[in-house]
Amino acid sequence: MTKTIHSPGQKALIEALTNARKEAGLSQMALAERLHCHQSMIARIESGERRIDVVELVVLARAIGVEAEAIMKVVSASVDEQQKL
């Protein structure tokens, strides 16, 4: 497995979160305000510069107004079944 922030699963996660935010009609600034963080943090997540853990995924999904499980389905579909740690 390539241990990089550029893996297919990571790219799918970023895309799913970004799409969900946009579909919810939220700007990066509006999402940052909901999360009490800087807009630059959202930008770093969406650009792939910063990875998120599962707890952050749940927090982000709730702030966007989507189920974390829906995001995980997208990510799961993009990860090769033979992928190793």
N, C-alpha and C. Protein backbone atom coordinates (compact mmCIF):
# COMPACT_ATOMS: atom_id res chain seq x y z
N MET A 1 0.83 -1.18 0.00
CA MET A 1 0.00 0.00 0.00
C MET A 1 0.87 1.24 0.00
N THR A 2 0.49 2.20 -0.77
CA THR A 2 1.17 3.47 -0.78
C THR A 2 0.64 4.30 0.38
N LYS A 3 1.50 4.63 1.32
CA LYS A 3 1.09 5.42 2.48
C LYS A 3 1.23 6.89 2.14
N THR A 4 0.21 7.40 1.49
CA THR A 4 0.27 8.77 1.02
C THR A 4 -1.11 9.40 1.11
N ILE A 5 -1.12 10.69 1.15
CA ILE A 5 -2.40 11.39 1.16
C ILE A 5 -3.02 11.41 -0.22
N HIS A 6 -2.33 10.81 -1.18
CA HIS A 6 -2.82 10.81 -2.55
C HIS A 6 -3.39 9.45 -2.97
N SER A 7 -3.75 8.61 -2.00
CA SER A 7 -4.32 7.29 -2.32
C SER A 7 -5.74 7.48 -2.87
N PRO A 8 -6.23 6.49 -3.61
CA PRO A 8 -7.60 6.58 -4.13
C PRO A 8 -8.64 6.79 -3.03
N GLY A 9 -8.46 6.12 -1.91
CA GLY A 9 -9.41 6.29 -0.81
C GLY A 9 -9.41 7.69 -0.24
N GLN A 10 -8.22 8.26 -0.08
CA GLN A 10 -8.12 9.63 0.43
C GLN A 10 -8.72 10.62 -0.56
N LYS A 11 -8.44 10.41 -1.84
CA LYS A 11 -9.01 11.29 -2.86
C LYS A 11 -10.54 11.19 -2.86
N ALA A 12 -11.07 9.98 -2.70
CA ALA A 12 -12.53 9.80 -2.66
C ALA A 12 -13.13 10.49 -1.44
N LEU A 13 -12.44 10.43 -0.31
CA LEU A 13 -12.91 11.09 0.91
C LEU A 13 -12.99 12.59 0.71
N ILE A 14 -11.93 13.17 0.18
CA ILE A 14 -11.89 14.61 -0.06
C ILE A 14 -13.01 15.03 -1.02
N GLU A 15 -13.15 14.27 -2.10
CA GLU A 15 -14.18 14.59 -3.09
C GLU A 15 -15.58 14.48 -2.49
N ALA A 16 -15.82 13.42 -1.71
CA ALA A 16 -17.14 13.23 -1.11
C ALA A 16 -17.47 14.34 -0.12
N LEU A 17 -16.51 14.73 0.69
CA LEU A 17 -16.74 15.82 1.65
C LEU A 17 -16.96 17.15 0.94
N THR A 18 -16.14 17.42 -0.05
CA THR A 18 -16.28 18.68 -0.79
C THR A 18 -17.62 18.74 -1.51
N ASN A 19 -18.00 17.65 -2.17
CA ASN A 19 -19.29 17.61 -2.86
C ASN A 19 -20.45 17.78 -1.89
N ALA A 20 -20.37 17.12 -0.74
CA ALA A 20 -21.43 17.23 0.26
C ALA A 20 -21.56 18.67 0.76
N ARG A 21 -20.41 19.30 1.00
CA ARG A 21 -20.44 20.70 1.46
C ARG A 21 -21.10 21.60 0.42
N LYS A 22 -20.71 21.42 -0.83
CA LYS A 22 -21.26 22.25 -1.90
C LYS A 22 -22.75 21.98 -2.10
N GLU A 23 -23.15 20.70 -2.04
CA GLU A 23 -24.56 20.36 -2.19
C GLU A 23 -25.40 20.93 -1.05
N ALA A 24 -24.78 21.08 0.11
CA ALA A 24 -25.47 21.67 1.26
C ALA A 24 -25.53 23.19 1.16
N GLY A 25 -24.89 23.74 0.12
CA GLY A 25 -24.89 25.18 -0.08
C GLY A 25 -23.99 25.93 0.88
N LEU A 26 -22.96 25.25 1.37
CA LEU A 26 -22.05 25.87 2.33
C LEU A 26 -20.74 26.25 1.66
N SER A 27 -20.27 27.43 1.98
CA SER A 27 -18.92 27.82 1.56
C SER A 27 -17.94 27.24 2.58
N GLN A 28 -16.67 27.28 2.23
CA GLN A 28 -15.66 26.84 3.20
C GLN A 28 -15.74 27.70 4.46
N MET A 29 -15.98 28.98 4.29
CA MET A 29 -16.07 29.89 5.44
C MET A 29 -17.25 29.54 6.33
N ALA A 30 -18.40 29.25 5.72
CA ALA A 30 -19.59 28.91 6.50
C ALA A 30 -19.37 27.61 7.28
N LEU A 31 -18.74 26.63 6.65
CA LEU A 31 -18.45 25.38 7.34
C LEU A 31 -17.47 25.62 8.48
N ALA A 32 -16.46 26.42 8.23
CA ALA A 32 -15.48 26.74 9.27
C ALA A 32 -16.15 27.42 10.46
N GLU A 33 -17.09 28.31 10.19
CA GLU A 33 -17.80 28.97 11.28
C GLU A 33 -18.59 27.96 12.10
N ARG A 34 -19.22 27.00 11.45
CA ARG A 34 -19.96 25.96 12.17
C ARG A 34 -19.04 25.12 13.05
N LEU A 35 -17.81 24.95 12.60
CA LEU A 35 -16.85 24.12 13.31
C LEU A 35 -15.96 24.91 14.26
N HIS A 36 -16.10 26.23 14.27
CA HIS A 36 -15.28 27.11 15.11
C HIS A 36 -13.80 26.92 14.81
N CYS A 37 -13.49 26.92 13.50
CA CYS A 37 -12.10 26.82 13.07
C CYS A 37 -11.88 27.83 11.95
N HIS A 38 -10.68 27.89 11.45
CA HIS A 38 -10.36 28.80 10.37
C HIS A 38 -10.73 28.19 9.02
N GLN A 39 -11.08 29.02 8.08
CA GLN A 39 -11.40 28.57 6.73
C GLN A 39 -10.21 27.85 6.12
N SER A 40 -9.01 28.26 6.49
CA SER A 40 -7.81 27.63 5.94
C SER A 40 -7.72 26.16 6.31
N MET A 41 -8.27 25.77 7.45
CA MET A 41 -8.27 24.35 7.82
C MET A 41 -9.15 23.55 6.86
N ILE A 42 -10.31 24.10 6.52
CA ILE A 42 -11.20 23.44 5.57
C ILE A 42 -10.50 23.36 4.21
N ALA A 43 -9.84 24.41 3.82
CA ALA A 43 -9.12 24.43 2.55
C ALA A 43 -8.02 23.37 2.53
N ARG A 44 -7.29 23.22 3.63
CA ARG A 44 -6.23 22.22 3.69
C ARG A 44 -6.80 20.80 3.61
N ILE A 45 -7.94 20.57 4.24
CA ILE A 45 -8.59 19.26 4.16
C ILE A 45 -9.02 18.99 2.72
N GLU A 46 -9.70 19.96 2.12
CA GLU A 46 -10.24 19.77 0.77
C GLU A 46 -9.16 19.73 -0.31
N SER A 47 -8.00 20.27 -0.04
CA SER A 47 -6.91 20.22 -1.02
C SER A 47 -6.07 18.97 -0.84
N GLY A 48 -6.31 18.24 0.22
CA GLY A 48 -5.55 17.02 0.47
C GLY A 48 -4.28 17.25 1.26
N GLU A 49 -4.07 18.46 1.73
CA GLU A 49 -2.87 18.75 2.51
C GLU A 49 -2.96 18.20 3.93
N ARG A 50 -4.18 18.02 4.41
CA ARG A 50 -4.38 17.56 5.78
C ARG A 50 -5.32 16.36 5.79
N ARG A 51 -4.88 15.29 6.39
CA ARG A 51 -5.73 14.10 6.55
C ARG A 51 -6.63 14.30 7.75
N ILE A 52 -7.74 13.58 7.76
CA ILE A 52 -8.64 13.64 8.91
C ILE A 52 -8.81 12.23 9.47
N ASP A 53 -9.07 12.15 10.76
CA ASP A 53 -9.32 10.84 11.35
C ASP A 53 -10.83 10.59 11.39
N VAL A 54 -11.22 9.44 11.87
CA VAL A 54 -12.63 9.05 11.82
C VAL A 54 -13.50 9.95 12.69
N VAL A 55 -12.98 10.41 13.81
CA VAL A 55 -13.75 11.31 14.68
C VAL A 55 -13.98 12.65 13.97
N GLU A 56 -12.95 13.15 13.31
CA GLU A 56 -13.09 14.40 12.55
C GLU A 56 -14.08 14.22 11.40
N LEU A 57 -14.08 13.03 10.79
CA LEU A 57 -15.05 12.77 9.73
C LEU A 57 -16.47 12.90 10.25
N VAL A 58 -16.73 12.32 11.40
CA VAL A 58 -18.07 12.41 11.99
C VAL A 58 -18.43 13.86 12.28
N VAL A 59 -17.51 14.61 12.84
CA VAL A 59 -17.76 16.03 13.15
C VAL A 59 -18.01 16.83 11.88
N LEU A 60 -17.19 16.61 10.86
CA LEU A 60 -17.36 17.32 9.59
C LEU A 60 -18.71 16.97 8.96
N ALA A 61 -19.03 15.68 8.91
CA ALA A 61 -20.29 15.26 8.30
C ALA A 61 -21.48 15.89 9.02
N ARG A 62 -21.46 15.88 10.32
CA ARG A 62 -22.56 16.49 11.08
C ARG A 62 -22.68 17.98 10.78
N ALA A 63 -21.54 18.66 10.71
CA ALA A 63 -21.57 20.10 10.43
C ALA A 63 -22.12 20.38 9.03
N ILE A 64 -21.85 19.47 8.10
CA ILE A 64 -22.35 19.63 6.74
C ILE A 64 -23.83 19.25 6.66
N GLY A 65 -24.23 18.30 7.51
CA GLY A 65 -25.61 17.85 7.50
C GLY A 65 -25.82 16.55 6.74
N VAL A 66 -24.76 15.73 6.69
CA VAL A 66 -24.85 14.42 6.04
C VAL A 66 -24.43 13.35 7.04
N GLU A 67 -24.77 12.12 6.73
CA GLU A 67 -24.36 11.00 7.56
C GLU A 67 -22.92 10.61 7.22
N ALA A 68 -22.11 10.40 8.23
CA ALA A 68 -20.73 9.97 8.00
C ALA A 68 -20.71 8.64 7.25
N GLU A 69 -21.71 7.81 7.50
CA GLU A 69 -21.78 6.51 6.82
C GLU A 69 -21.91 6.67 5.31
N ALA A 70 -22.61 7.69 4.86
CA ALA A 70 -22.75 7.93 3.42
C ALA A 70 -21.40 8.29 2.81
N ILE A 71 -20.63 9.07 3.52
CA ILE A 71 -19.29 9.43 3.06
C ILE A 71 -18.42 8.17 3.03
N MET A 72 -18.52 7.36 4.08
CA MET A 72 -17.71 6.15 4.16
C MET A 72 -18.05 5.16 3.04
N LYS A 73 -19.30 5.10 2.61
CA LYS A 73 -19.65 4.21 1.50
C LYS A 73 -18.90 4.60 0.24
N VAL A 74 -18.80 5.88 -0.01
CA VAL A 74 -18.06 6.37 -1.18
C VAL A 74 -16.59 5.99 -1.06
N VAL A 75 -16.02 6.20 0.10
CA VAL A 75 -14.61 5.88 0.31
C VAL A 75 -14.39 4.38 0.19
N SER A 76 -15.24 3.60 0.82
CA SER A 76 -15.10 2.15 0.80
C SER A 76 -15.11 1.61 -0.63
N ALA A 77 -15.96 2.17 -1.47
CA ALA A 77 -16.06 1.72 -2.85
C ALA A 77 -14.78 2.02 -3.65
N SER A 78 -13.99 2.97 -3.18
CA SER A 78 -12.79 3.35 -3.92
C SER A 78 -11.53 2.63 -3.46
N VAL A 79 -11.64 1.90 -2.36
CA VAL A 79 -10.46 1.22 -1.81
C VAL A 79 -10.42 -0.23 -2.32
N ASP A 80 -9.31 -0.59 -2.90
CA ASP A 80 -9.09 -1.94 -3.43
C ASP A 80 -9.19 -2.96 -2.28
N GLU A 81 -9.92 -4.04 -2.52
CA GLU A 81 -10.08 -5.08 -1.49
C GLU A 81 -8.76 -5.74 -1.12
N GLN A 82 -7.79 -5.68 -2.00
CA GLN A 82 -6.48 -6.30 -1.75
C GLN A 82 -5.50 -5.33 -1.08
N GLN A 83 -5.94 -4.12 -0.81
CA GLN A 83 -5.04 -3.11 -0.22
C GLN A 83 -4.59 -3.54 1.15
N LYS A 84 -3.34 -3.34 1.42
CA LYS A 84 -2.74 -3.68 2.72
C LYS A 84 -2.36 -2.42 3.46
N LEU A 85 -2.14 -2.57 4.76
CA LEU A 85 -1.70 -1.42 5.56
C LEU A 85 -0.23 -1.19 5.42
